[in-house]
Amino acid sequence: MPNELPYQKMLQEYLKGELRVLNAHLPCAQRPLSVLLDEESPSITCNDGSAHLFKKKELEYLASMIDNGEQEILLLPMLIEVSAGRDEMAIICHGEIEEKLISKILDMPVTLKQNRIIIYKPQLALIRKSLKTTTQYVFSTKIPT
């Protein structure tokens, strides 16, 4: 139908704007675990100008599971992609370190596929219980695969 095209385009533009507002809390840049561990008050600046503070205990917990070289590579906060109406979420990964950490936290093997680890709500609860300040949600219209 010819009239649906302008509506679809308008809807997509609206959703882009809404997602921008929902994701304003995201960090301007992620920082390596090793750098955050050396700071007295570890934090990052968010796109909305606020500061996101990390709990030292969480940083030390993560550090206890990986070696020094991996601590230099692991970027925080880890981002958990959430899409409306979906039961699964995806942890966005830069490499295999996140896969190693999430496997240890969940006490089960996980699979890294297309830079994402698919998790479900019960798994999310376990991850967030341990990593409340070292993970952040990013809202998306993408469907995890």
N, C-alpha and C. Protein backbone atom coordinates (compact mmCIF):
# COMPACT_ATOMS: atom_id res chain seq x y z
N MET A 1 0.83 -1.18 0.00
CA MET A 1 0.00 0.00 0.00
C MET A 1 0.88 1.25 0.00
N PRO A 2 0.59 2.19 -0.87
CA PRO A 2 1.42 3.38 -0.99
C PRO A 2 1.43 4.26 0.28
N ASN A 3 0.33 4.31 1.01
CA ASN A 3 0.27 5.17 2.20
C ASN A 3 1.06 4.60 3.38
N GLU A 4 1.36 3.31 3.38
CA GLU A 4 2.08 2.69 4.48
C GLU A 4 3.55 3.10 4.51
N LEU A 5 4.15 3.37 3.37
CA LEU A 5 5.56 3.71 3.32
C LEU A 5 5.88 4.97 4.13
N PRO A 6 5.17 6.09 3.95
CA PRO A 6 5.47 7.26 4.78
C PRO A 6 5.24 6.98 6.27
N TYR A 7 4.23 6.21 6.60
CA TYR A 7 3.97 5.88 8.00
C TYR A 7 5.12 5.07 8.58
N GLN A 8 5.59 4.06 7.85
CA GLN A 8 6.70 3.23 8.31
C GLN A 8 7.96 4.07 8.52
N LYS A 9 8.21 4.99 7.60
CA LYS A 9 9.39 5.85 7.70
C LYS A 9 9.26 6.76 8.93
N MET A 10 8.09 7.32 9.14
CA MET A 10 7.85 8.19 10.30
C MET A 10 8.03 7.40 11.59
N LEU A 11 7.50 6.19 11.64
CA LEU A 11 7.60 5.35 12.82
C LEU A 11 9.06 5.01 13.12
N GLN A 12 9.84 4.69 12.11
CA GLN A 12 11.26 4.38 12.30
C GLN A 12 12.01 5.59 12.85
N GLU A 13 11.73 6.76 12.33
CA GLU A 13 12.39 7.98 12.82
C GLU A 13 12.01 8.25 14.27
N TYR A 14 10.77 8.05 14.60
CA TYR A 14 10.30 8.24 15.98
C TYR A 14 11.02 7.28 16.92
N LEU A 15 11.09 6.02 16.52
CA LEU A 15 11.74 5.03 17.37
C LEU A 15 13.23 5.33 17.55
N LYS A 16 13.88 5.82 16.49
CA LYS A 16 15.30 6.19 16.61
C LYS A 16 15.47 7.27 17.68
N GLY A 17 14.59 8.26 17.65
CA GLY A 17 14.65 9.34 18.64
C GLY A 17 14.39 8.83 20.04
N GLU A 18 13.41 7.95 20.19
CA GLU A 18 13.10 7.39 21.51
C GLU A 18 14.24 6.54 22.04
N LEU A 19 14.87 5.75 21.17
CA LEU A 19 16.00 4.93 21.59
C LEU A 19 17.18 5.80 22.02
N ARG A 20 17.36 6.93 21.34
CA ARG A 20 18.43 7.84 21.71
C ARG A 20 18.21 8.35 23.14
N VAL A 21 16.97 8.65 23.48
CA VAL A 21 16.64 9.11 24.83
C VAL A 21 16.84 7.97 25.84
N LEU A 22 16.35 6.78 25.51
CA LEU A 22 16.50 5.64 26.41
C LEU A 22 17.97 5.27 26.65
N ASN A 23 18.82 5.52 25.67
CA ASN A 23 20.22 5.12 25.78
C ASN A 23 21.16 6.27 26.18
N ALA A 24 20.59 7.38 26.63
CA ALA A 24 21.42 8.54 27.02
C ALA A 24 22.34 8.20 28.19
N HIS A 25 22.00 7.17 28.96
CA HIS A 25 22.80 6.78 30.12
C HIS A 25 24.07 6.01 29.75
N LEU A 26 24.24 5.68 28.49
CA LEU A 26 25.39 4.87 28.08
C LEU A 26 26.69 5.66 28.19
N PRO A 27 27.79 4.96 28.42
CA PRO A 27 29.08 5.64 28.56
C PRO A 27 29.53 6.27 27.25
N CYS A 28 30.25 7.39 27.36
CA CYS A 28 30.85 8.00 26.18
C CYS A 28 31.88 7.05 25.59
N ALA A 29 32.56 6.31 26.47
CA ALA A 29 33.55 5.31 26.06
C ALA A 29 33.69 4.30 27.18
N GLN A 30 33.99 3.06 26.81
CA GLN A 30 34.27 2.03 27.81
C GLN A 30 35.74 2.15 28.20
N ARG A 31 36.06 1.65 29.40
CA ARG A 31 37.44 1.73 29.89
C ARG A 31 37.91 0.35 30.34
N PRO A 32 39.22 0.09 30.20
CA PRO A 32 39.75 -1.22 30.60
C PRO A 32 39.65 -1.46 32.11
N LEU A 33 39.38 -2.70 32.46
CA LEU A 33 39.30 -3.10 33.86
C LEU A 33 40.58 -2.72 34.60
N SER A 34 41.74 -2.94 33.99
CA SER A 34 43.01 -2.66 34.66
C SER A 34 43.13 -1.19 35.06
N VAL A 35 42.65 -0.29 34.24
CA VAL A 35 42.70 1.15 34.53
C VAL A 35 41.73 1.47 35.67
N LEU A 36 40.52 0.93 35.61
CA LEU A 36 39.52 1.19 36.65
C LEU A 36 39.98 0.68 38.01
N LEU A 37 40.67 -0.45 38.03
CA LEU A 37 41.16 -1.02 39.29
C LEU A 37 42.16 -0.10 39.99
N ASP A 38 42.90 0.69 39.22
CA ASP A 38 43.92 1.58 39.78
C ASP A 38 43.34 2.90 40.31
N GLU A 39 42.07 3.17 40.01
CA GLU A 39 41.48 4.44 40.43
C GLU A 39 40.88 4.34 41.82
N GLU A 40 40.97 5.43 42.56
CA GLU A 40 40.39 5.47 43.91
C GLU A 40 38.87 5.41 43.84
N SER A 41 38.28 6.18 42.90
CA SER A 41 36.82 6.18 42.68
C SER A 41 36.57 5.89 41.21
N PRO A 42 36.58 4.62 40.83
CA PRO A 42 36.45 4.28 39.41
C PRO A 42 35.10 4.72 38.84
N SER A 43 35.16 5.42 37.70
CA SER A 43 33.93 5.91 37.07
C SER A 43 34.18 6.19 35.59
N ILE A 44 33.10 6.42 34.88
CA ILE A 44 33.15 6.86 33.49
C ILE A 44 32.09 7.95 33.31
N THR A 45 32.24 8.74 32.28
CA THR A 45 31.26 9.78 31.96
C THR A 45 30.27 9.21 30.95
N CYS A 46 29.00 9.51 31.17
CA CYS A 46 27.94 9.02 30.27
C CYS A 46 27.54 10.10 29.27
N ASN A 47 26.86 9.69 28.22
CA ASN A 47 26.44 10.62 27.17
C ASN A 47 25.54 11.73 27.68
N ASP A 48 24.81 11.48 28.77
CA ASP A 48 23.94 12.52 29.32
C ASP A 48 24.68 13.43 30.30
N GLY A 49 26.00 13.24 30.43
CA GLY A 49 26.80 14.09 31.30
C GLY A 49 26.94 13.57 32.72
N SER A 50 26.21 12.54 33.06
CA SER A 50 26.29 11.98 34.41
C SER A 50 27.53 11.09 34.53
N ALA A 51 27.85 10.74 35.76
CA ALA A 51 28.98 9.84 36.02
C ALA A 51 28.42 8.47 36.40
N HIS A 52 29.00 7.44 35.83
CA HIS A 52 28.63 6.07 36.20
C HIS A 52 29.75 5.55 37.09
N LEU A 53 29.41 5.21 38.34
CA LEU A 53 30.39 4.76 39.31
C LEU A 53 30.43 3.23 39.34
N PHE A 54 31.63 2.70 39.45
CA PHE A 54 31.81 1.26 39.56
C PHE A 54 32.11 0.91 41.02
N LYS A 55 31.55 -0.20 41.48
CA LYS A 55 31.89 -0.70 42.81
C LYS A 55 33.23 -1.42 42.71
N LYS A 56 34.13 -1.04 43.58
CA LYS A 56 35.47 -1.63 43.60
C LYS A 56 35.39 -3.15 43.78
N LYS A 57 34.44 -3.59 44.61
CA LYS A 57 34.27 -5.02 44.87
C LYS A 57 33.94 -5.80 43.59
N GLU A 58 33.12 -5.22 42.71
CA GLU A 58 32.80 -5.87 41.44
C GLU A 58 34.01 -5.92 40.53
N LEU A 59 34.77 -4.85 40.49
CA LEU A 59 35.98 -4.82 39.66
C LEU A 59 36.96 -5.89 40.13
N GLU A 60 37.12 -6.01 41.43
CA GLU A 60 38.02 -7.02 41.99
C GLU A 60 37.50 -8.44 41.72
N TYR A 61 36.19 -8.61 41.75
CA TYR A 61 35.57 -9.90 41.45
C TYR A 61 35.91 -10.31 40.00
N LEU A 62 35.73 -9.38 39.07
CA LEU A 62 36.06 -9.66 37.67
C LEU A 62 37.55 -9.96 37.52
N ALA A 63 38.38 -9.16 38.18
CA ALA A 63 39.82 -9.33 38.09
C ALA A 63 40.27 -10.70 38.61
N SER A 64 39.55 -11.21 39.60
CA SER A 64 39.92 -12.51 40.17
C SER A 64 39.70 -13.67 39.20
N MET A 65 38.91 -13.45 38.18
CA MET A 65 38.59 -14.53 37.24
C MET A 65 39.43 -14.52 35.97
N ILE A 66 40.21 -13.44 35.76
CA ILE A 66 41.01 -13.34 34.54
C ILE A 66 42.42 -12.88 34.88
N ASP A 67 43.34 -13.10 33.95
CA ASP A 67 44.74 -12.71 34.20
C ASP A 67 44.96 -11.22 33.89
N ASN A 68 46.15 -10.73 34.23
CA ASN A 68 46.47 -9.31 34.06
C ASN A 68 46.33 -8.83 32.62
N GLY A 69 46.77 -9.65 31.67
CA GLY A 69 46.66 -9.28 30.26
C GLY A 69 45.21 -9.12 29.84
N GLU A 70 44.35 -10.01 30.32
CA GLU A 70 42.92 -9.92 29.99
C GLU A 70 42.27 -8.71 30.66
N GLN A 71 42.77 -8.34 31.84
CA GLN A 71 42.25 -7.16 32.54
C GLN A 71 42.51 -5.89 31.74
N GLU A 72 43.60 -5.87 30.99
CA GLU A 72 43.92 -4.71 30.15
C GLU A 72 43.03 -4.63 28.92
N ILE A 73 42.47 -5.77 28.53
CA ILE A 73 41.65 -5.83 27.31
C ILE A 73 40.16 -5.69 27.61
N LEU A 74 39.71 -6.20 28.77
CA LEU A 74 38.28 -6.17 29.10
C LEU A 74 37.80 -4.73 29.27
N LEU A 75 36.84 -4.33 28.44
CA LEU A 75 36.27 -2.99 28.50
C LEU A 75 34.98 -2.99 29.30
N LEU A 76 34.86 -2.01 30.18
CA LEU A 76 33.69 -1.89 31.05
C LEU A 76 33.04 -0.53 30.87
N PRO A 77 31.73 -0.47 31.08
CA PRO A 77 30.86 -1.56 31.47
C PRO A 77 30.56 -2.48 30.28
N MET A 78 30.26 -3.74 30.60
CA MET A 78 29.78 -4.67 29.57
C MET A 78 28.36 -4.24 29.23
N LEU A 79 28.02 -4.29 27.96
CA LEU A 79 26.70 -3.85 27.51
C LEU A 79 25.79 -5.04 27.26
N ILE A 80 24.58 -4.94 27.80
CA ILE A 80 23.57 -5.98 27.61
C ILE A 80 22.47 -5.39 26.74
N GLU A 81 22.35 -5.93 25.54
CA GLU A 81 21.39 -5.44 24.56
C GLU A 81 20.01 -6.01 24.84
N VAL A 82 19.04 -5.12 25.00
CA VAL A 82 17.67 -5.51 25.30
C VAL A 82 16.78 -5.03 24.16
N SER A 83 15.95 -5.93 23.64
CA SER A 83 14.98 -5.58 22.60
C SER A 83 13.58 -5.82 23.14
N ALA A 84 12.69 -4.91 22.86
CA ALA A 84 11.32 -5.00 23.37
C ALA A 84 10.63 -6.28 22.92
N GLY A 85 9.91 -6.88 23.85
CA GLY A 85 9.10 -8.05 23.53
C GLY A 85 9.88 -9.34 23.34
N ARG A 86 11.15 -9.36 23.73
CA ARG A 86 11.97 -10.55 23.54
C ARG A 86 12.31 -11.15 24.90
N ASP A 87 12.37 -12.46 24.97
CA ASP A 87 12.76 -13.14 26.20
C ASP A 87 14.28 -13.22 26.34
N GLU A 88 14.98 -13.10 25.21
CA GLU A 88 16.43 -13.19 25.29
C GLU A 88 17.06 -11.82 25.13
N MET A 89 18.25 -11.69 25.69
CA MET A 89 19.05 -10.50 25.57
C MET A 89 20.41 -10.93 25.03
N ALA A 90 21.25 -9.96 24.70
CA ALA A 90 22.58 -10.29 24.19
C ALA A 90 23.62 -9.45 24.89
N ILE A 91 24.68 -10.10 25.34
CA ILE A 91 25.82 -9.37 25.89
C ILE A 91 26.74 -9.09 24.71
N ILE A 92 27.00 -7.81 24.49
CA ILE A 92 27.84 -7.40 23.37
C ILE A 92 29.29 -7.62 23.78
N CYS A 93 30.02 -8.36 22.96
CA CYS A 93 31.38 -8.77 23.31
C CYS A 93 32.40 -8.21 22.33
N HIS A 94 33.56 -7.86 22.87
CA HIS A 94 34.68 -7.43 22.04
C HIS A 94 35.62 -8.59 21.78
N GLY A 95 35.47 -9.65 22.55
CA GLY A 95 36.36 -10.80 22.40
C GLY A 95 35.92 -11.95 23.28
N GLU A 96 36.83 -12.87 23.49
CA GLU A 96 36.51 -14.09 24.23
C GLU A 96 36.56 -13.92 25.75
N ILE A 97 37.05 -12.79 26.23
CA ILE A 97 37.14 -12.58 27.67
C ILE A 97 35.75 -12.53 28.29
N GLU A 98 34.83 -11.84 27.65
CA GLU A 98 33.46 -11.77 28.15
C GLU A 98 32.83 -13.16 28.19
N GLU A 99 33.11 -13.95 27.15
CA GLU A 99 32.61 -15.33 27.09
C GLU A 99 33.12 -16.12 28.29
N LYS A 100 34.40 -15.99 28.59
CA LYS A 100 35.02 -16.68 29.72
C LYS A 100 34.36 -16.25 31.03
N LEU A 101 34.19 -14.95 31.22
CA LEU A 101 33.59 -14.42 32.46
C LEU A 101 32.15 -14.86 32.64
N ILE A 102 31.36 -14.72 31.59
CA ILE A 102 29.94 -15.07 31.69
C ILE A 102 29.79 -16.57 31.93
N SER A 103 30.62 -17.39 31.31
CA SER A 103 30.59 -18.84 31.56
C SER A 103 30.86 -19.14 33.03
N LYS A 104 31.83 -18.45 33.61
CA LYS A 104 32.15 -18.67 35.02
C LYS A 104 31.03 -18.19 35.94
N ILE A 105 30.47 -17.05 35.65
CA ILE A 105 29.41 -16.50 36.49
C ILE A 105 28.16 -17.37 36.45
N LEU A 106 27.81 -17.85 35.25
CA LEU A 106 26.62 -18.70 35.10
C LEU A 106 26.91 -20.16 35.41
N ASP A 107 28.19 -20.51 35.54
CA ASP A 107 28.61 -21.88 35.78
C ASP A 107 28.08 -22.83 34.70
N MET A 108 28.22 -22.37 33.47
CA MET A 108 27.79 -23.16 32.31
C MET A 108 28.47 -22.60 31.06
N PRO A 109 28.64 -23.43 30.05
CA PRO A 109 29.24 -22.91 28.83
C PRO A 109 28.28 -21.96 28.10
N VAL A 110 28.83 -20.91 27.53
CA VAL A 110 28.05 -20.00 26.69
C VAL A 110 28.76 -19.90 25.35
N THR A 111 28.05 -19.45 24.34
CA THR A 111 28.62 -19.39 23.01
C THR A 111 28.66 -17.96 22.51
N LEU A 112 29.81 -17.56 22.05
CA LEU A 112 30.01 -16.26 21.44
C LEU A 112 29.72 -16.39 19.95
N LYS A 113 28.74 -15.64 19.47
CA LYS A 113 28.35 -15.71 18.06
C LYS A 113 28.06 -14.29 17.58
N GLN A 114 28.73 -13.87 16.55
CA GLN A 114 28.57 -12.55 15.97
C GLN A 114 28.74 -11.45 17.03
N ASN A 115 29.78 -11.58 17.84
CA ASN A 115 30.11 -10.63 18.90
C ASN A 115 29.02 -10.47 19.95
N ARG A 116 28.24 -11.53 20.17
CA ARG A 116 27.18 -11.50 21.17
C ARG A 116 27.07 -12.86 21.87
N ILE A 117 26.67 -12.78 23.13
CA ILE A 117 26.33 -13.98 23.90
C ILE A 117 24.85 -13.85 24.23
N ILE A 118 24.06 -14.79 23.76
CA ILE A 118 22.62 -14.75 24.03
C ILE A 118 22.37 -15.29 25.43
N ILE A 119 21.59 -14.53 26.20
CA ILE A 119 21.21 -14.96 27.55
C ILE A 119 19.71 -14.79 27.71
N TYR A 120 19.16 -15.43 28.72
CA TYR A 120 17.72 -15.37 29.00
C TYR A 120 17.50 -14.73 30.37
N LYS A 121 16.27 -14.38 30.65
CA LYS A 121 15.95 -13.63 31.87
C LYS A 121 16.51 -14.25 33.15
N PRO A 122 16.38 -15.56 33.37
CA PRO A 122 16.97 -16.12 34.60
C PRO A 122 18.49 -15.93 34.67
N GLN A 123 19.15 -16.03 33.52
CA GLN A 123 20.60 -15.83 33.46
C GLN A 123 20.94 -14.36 33.69
N LEU A 124 20.11 -13.48 33.15
CA LEU A 124 20.33 -12.05 33.35
C LEU A 124 20.29 -11.71 34.84
N ALA A 125 19.36 -12.30 35.56
CA ALA A 125 19.26 -12.04 37.00
C ALA A 125 20.54 -12.44 37.72
N LEU A 126 21.12 -13.57 37.35
CA LEU A 126 22.37 -14.03 37.97
C LEU A 126 23.54 -13.09 37.63
N ILE A 127 23.59 -12.66 36.40
CA ILE A 127 24.67 -11.77 35.97
C ILE A 127 24.56 -10.42 36.68
N ARG A 128 23.37 -9.86 36.69
CA ARG A 128 23.18 -8.54 37.29
C ARG A 128 23.36 -8.58 38.81
N LYS A 129 23.08 -9.72 39.42
CA LYS A 129 23.28 -9.85 40.86
C LYS A 129 24.76 -9.67 41.20
N SER A 130 25.63 -10.21 40.37
CA SER A 130 27.08 -10.12 40.59
C SER A 130 27.70 -8.87 39.98
N LEU A 131 27.12 -8.38 38.90
CA LEU A 131 27.74 -7.31 38.12
C LEU A 131 26.79 -6.12 37.91
N LYS A 132 26.25 -5.61 38.97
CA LYS A 132 25.27 -4.52 38.86
C LYS A 132 25.88 -3.23 38.28
N THR A 133 27.09 -2.87 38.72
CA THR A 133 27.67 -1.62 38.24
C THR A 133 28.61 -1.81 37.05
N THR A 134 28.98 -3.03 36.76
CA THR A 134 29.91 -3.29 35.65
C THR A 134 29.20 -3.74 34.38
N THR A 135 27.87 -3.71 34.41
CA THR A 135 27.07 -3.96 33.21
C THR A 135 26.07 -2.82 33.05
N GLN A 136 25.68 -2.56 31.83
CA GLN A 136 24.64 -1.56 31.54
C GLN A 136 23.77 -2.08 30.41
N TYR A 137 22.51 -1.66 30.45
CA TYR A 137 21.57 -2.02 29.38
C TYR A 137 21.69 -1.03 28.23
N VAL A 138 21.64 -1.58 27.01
CA VAL A 138 21.50 -0.76 25.82
C VAL A 138 20.22 -1.25 25.14
N PHE A 139 19.33 -0.31 24.86
CA PHE A 139 18.03 -0.66 24.27
C PHE A 139 18.14 -0.58 22.76
N SER A 140 17.56 -1.59 22.11
CA SER A 140 17.73 -1.77 20.67
C SER A 140 16.45 -2.27 20.03
N THR A 141 16.36 -2.08 18.73
CA THR A 141 15.27 -2.68 17.97
C THR A 141 15.74 -3.94 17.28
N LYS A 142 17.04 -4.26 17.43
CA LYS A 142 17.59 -5.48 16.82
C LYS A 142 17.03 -6.70 17.52
N ILE A 143 16.93 -7.76 16.79
CA ILE A 143 16.51 -9.04 17.36
C ILE A 143 17.75 -9.90 17.48
N PRO A 144 18.13 -10.30 18.72
CA PRO A 144 19.31 -11.15 18.86
C PRO A 144 19.15 -12.44 18.08
N THR A 145 20.25 -12.90 17.46
CA THR A 145 20.20 -14.15 16.70
C THR A 145 21.12 -15.17 17.29
